[in-house]
Amino acid sequence: MEFDWTGYSPEEFSPKDVEESFEDPFSIRIMPEIDEALGREARYFILGRSISSLALFSVFWTDGKLYRVMFSRAMTPEEENFYDRKNSEQN
């Protein structure tokens, strides 16, 4: 997984923390429906934890090889609940 940090301004989390959240084996990737007719790039969402257990929500774009993170923030309590619930369903 290769990252392009163009346009990312780390306010609270380092690129390393964000990369680790993408490598979380329990991360949840959300792919919203898009209208490709409008010519917009698809934006995806991911809920994941870094090695230091930071629970992060990120918005990103990918072409399958390169990942460009637009925004990253701490998960809300509702997102953490969703993350935990979805992962407990896997077991």
C-alpha atoms as a PDB file:
ATOM      1  CA  MET A   1       0.000   0.000   0.000  1.00  0.00           C
ATOM      2  CA  GLU A   2       1.504   3.304  -1.108  1.00  0.00           C
ATOM      3  CA  PHE A   3       0.322   6.705   0.130  1.00  0.00           C
ATOM      4  CA  ASP A   4       0.336  10.115  -1.519  1.00  0.00           C
ATOM      5  CA  TRP A   5       0.135  12.803   1.166  1.00  0.00           C
ATOM      6  CA  THR A   6      -0.475  15.680  -1.273  1.00  0.00           C
ATOM      7  CA  GLY A   7      -3.064  17.996   0.236  1.00  0.00           C
ATOM      8  CA  TYR A   8      -3.100  16.275   3.649  1.00  0.00           C
ATOM      9  CA  SER A   9      -2.399  18.627   6.527  1.00  0.00           C
ATOM     10  CA  PRO A  10      -1.904  16.653   9.728  1.00  0.00           C
ATOM     11  CA  GLU A  11      -3.613  18.595  12.478  1.00  0.00           C
ATOM     12  CA  GLU A  12      -4.048  15.900  15.066  1.00  0.00           C
ATOM     13  CA  PHE A  13      -2.696  12.648  13.635  1.00  0.00           C
ATOM     14  CA  SER A  14       0.571  11.886  11.915  1.00  0.00           C
ATOM     15  CA  PRO A  15       0.653  10.179   8.517  1.00  0.00           C
ATOM     16  CA  LYS A  16       2.130   7.141  10.318  1.00  0.00           C
ATOM     17  CA  ASP A  17      -0.960   6.856  12.572  1.00  0.00           C
ATOM     18  CA  VAL A  18      -3.225   7.106   9.538  1.00  0.00           C
ATOM     19  CA  GLU A  19      -1.228   4.505   7.580  1.00  0.00           C
ATOM     20  CA  GLU A  20      -1.452   2.130  10.537  1.00  0.00           C
ATOM     21  CA  SER A  21      -5.244   2.541  10.654  1.00  0.00           C
ATOM     22  CA  PHE A  22      -5.380   1.433   6.998  1.00  0.00           C
ATOM     23  CA  GLU A  23      -3.315  -1.650   7.886  1.00  0.00           C
ATOM     24  CA  ASP A  24      -5.667  -2.581  10.731  1.00  0.00           C
ATOM     25  CA  PRO A  25      -6.888  -6.112   9.876  1.00  0.00           C
ATOM     26  CA  PHE A  26     -10.264  -5.208  11.405  1.00  0.00           C
ATOM     27  CA  SER A  27     -10.664  -1.896   9.546  1.00  0.00           C
ATOM     28  CA  ILE A  28     -14.004  -1.216   7.911  1.00  0.00           C
ATOM     29  CA  ARG A  29     -14.002   0.341   4.447  1.00  0.00           C
ATOM     30  CA  ILE A  30     -17.164   2.074   3.325  1.00  0.00           C
ATOM     31  CA  MET A  31     -17.718   2.708  -0.348  1.00  0.00           C
ATOM     32  CA  PRO A  32     -20.588   5.114  -0.962  1.00  0.00           C
ATOM     33  CA  GLU A  33     -22.679   5.019  -4.089  1.00  0.00           C
ATOM     34  CA  ILE A  34     -21.462   7.539  -6.637  1.00  0.00           C
ATOM     35  CA  ASP A  35     -22.878   8.918  -9.811  1.00  0.00           C
ATOM     36  CA  GLU A  36     -20.013   8.411 -12.265  1.00  0.00           C
ATOM     37  CA  ALA A  37     -21.945  10.364 -14.877  1.00  0.00           C
ATOM     38  CA  LEU A  38     -21.106  13.525 -12.961  1.00  0.00           C
ATOM     39  CA  GLY A  39     -17.405  12.847 -13.542  1.00  0.00           C
ATOM     40  CA  ARG A  40     -16.478  12.960  -9.861  1.00  0.00           C
ATOM     41  CA  GLU A  41     -13.723  10.893  -8.313  1.00  0.00           C
ATOM     42  CA  ALA A  42     -14.983   8.334  -5.830  1.00  0.00           C
ATOM     43  CA  ARG A  43     -14.280   9.099  -2.193  1.00  0.00           C
ATOM     44  CA  TYR A  44     -14.111   6.259   0.282  1.00  0.00           C
ATOM     45  CA  PHE A  45     -14.234   6.086   4.066  1.00  0.00           C
ATOM     46  CA  ILE A  46     -12.349   3.870   6.481  1.00  0.00           C
ATOM     47  CA  LEU A  47     -12.695   3.181  10.183  1.00  0.00           C
ATOM     48  CA  GLY A  48      -9.535   1.714  11.684  1.00  0.00           C
ATOM     49  CA  ARG A  49      -7.187   1.697  14.635  1.00  0.00           C
ATOM     50  CA  SER A  50      -3.498   2.545  14.721  1.00  0.00           C
ATOM     51  CA  ILE A  51      -0.994   0.389  16.617  1.00  0.00           C
ATOM     52  CA  SER A  52      -1.329   2.771  19.561  1.00  0.00           C
ATOM     53  CA  SER A  53      -5.138   2.148  19.485  1.00  0.00           C
ATOM     54  CA  LEU A  54      -6.096   5.535  18.043  1.00  0.00           C
ATOM     55  CA  ALA A  55      -9.552   5.068  16.519  1.00  0.00           C
ATOM     56  CA  LEU A  56      -9.535   6.982  13.224  1.00  0.00           C
ATOM     57  CA  PHE A  57     -12.069   7.884  10.547  1.00  0.00           C
ATOM     58  CA  SER A  58     -10.481   8.823   7.220  1.00  0.00           C
ATOM     59  CA  VAL A  59     -11.707   9.966   3.821  1.00  0.00           C
ATOM     60  CA  PHE A  60      -9.559   8.833   0.910  1.00  0.00           C
ATOM     61  CA  TRP A  61      -9.277   8.241  -2.818  1.00  0.00           C
ATOM     62  CA  THR A  62      -7.563   5.259  -4.406  1.00  0.00           C
ATOM     63  CA  ASP A  63      -6.795   3.828  -7.801  1.00  0.00           C
ATOM     64  CA  GLY A  64      -6.099   0.427  -6.258  1.00  0.00           C
ATOM     65  CA  LYS A  65      -2.369   1.006  -5.837  1.00  0.00           C
ATOM     66  CA  LEU A  66      -2.029   4.541  -4.524  1.00  0.00           C
ATOM     67  CA  TYR A  67      -4.008   5.956  -1.595  1.00  0.00           C
ATOM     68  CA  ARG A  68      -4.541   9.689  -1.106  1.00  0.00           C
ATOM     69  CA  VAL A  69      -5.933  10.651   2.300  1.00  0.00           C
ATOM     70  CA  MET A  70      -7.950  13.855   2.201  1.00  0.00           C
ATOM     71  CA  PHE A  71      -8.994  14.016   5.832  1.00  0.00           C
ATOM     72  CA  SER A  72      -8.587  12.066   9.047  1.00  0.00           C
ATOM     73  CA  ARG A  73     -10.113  12.558  12.498  1.00  0.00           C
ATOM     74  CA  ALA A  74     -10.907  10.638  15.670  1.00  0.00           C
ATOM     75  CA  MET A  75     -13.936   8.357  15.423  1.00  0.00           C
ATOM     76  CA  THR A  76     -17.081   9.589  17.113  1.00  0.00           C
ATOM     77  CA  PRO A  77     -18.520   7.379  19.888  1.00  0.00           C
ATOM     78  CA  GLU A  78     -21.180   6.157  17.417  1.00  0.00           C
ATOM     79  CA  GLU A  79     -18.503   5.216  14.852  1.00  0.00           C
ATOM     80  CA  GLU A  80     -16.475   3.386  17.507  1.00  0.00           C
ATOM     81  CA  ASN A  81     -19.616   1.499  18.523  1.00  0.00           C
ATOM     82  CA  PHE A  82     -20.252   0.574  14.859  1.00  0.00           C
ATOM     83  CA  TYR A  83     -16.603  -0.527  14.434  1.00  0.00           C
ATOM     84  CA  ASP A  84     -16.722  -2.685  17.573  1.00  0.00           C
ATOM     85  CA  ARG A  85     -20.133  -4.157  16.713  1.00  0.00           C
ATOM     86  CA  LYS A  86     -19.129  -5.057  13.143  1.00  0.00           C
ATOM     87  CA  ASN A  87     -15.909  -6.685  14.347  1.00  0.00           C
ATOM     88  CA  SER A  88     -17.704  -8.694  17.022  1.00  0.00           C
ATOM     89  CA  GLU A  89     -20.075 -10.011  14.315  1.00  0.00           C
ATOM     90  CA  GLN A  90     -17.054 -11.408  12.448  1.00  0.00           C
ATOM     91  CA  ASN A  91     -16.155 -13.745  15.343  1.00  0.00           C
END
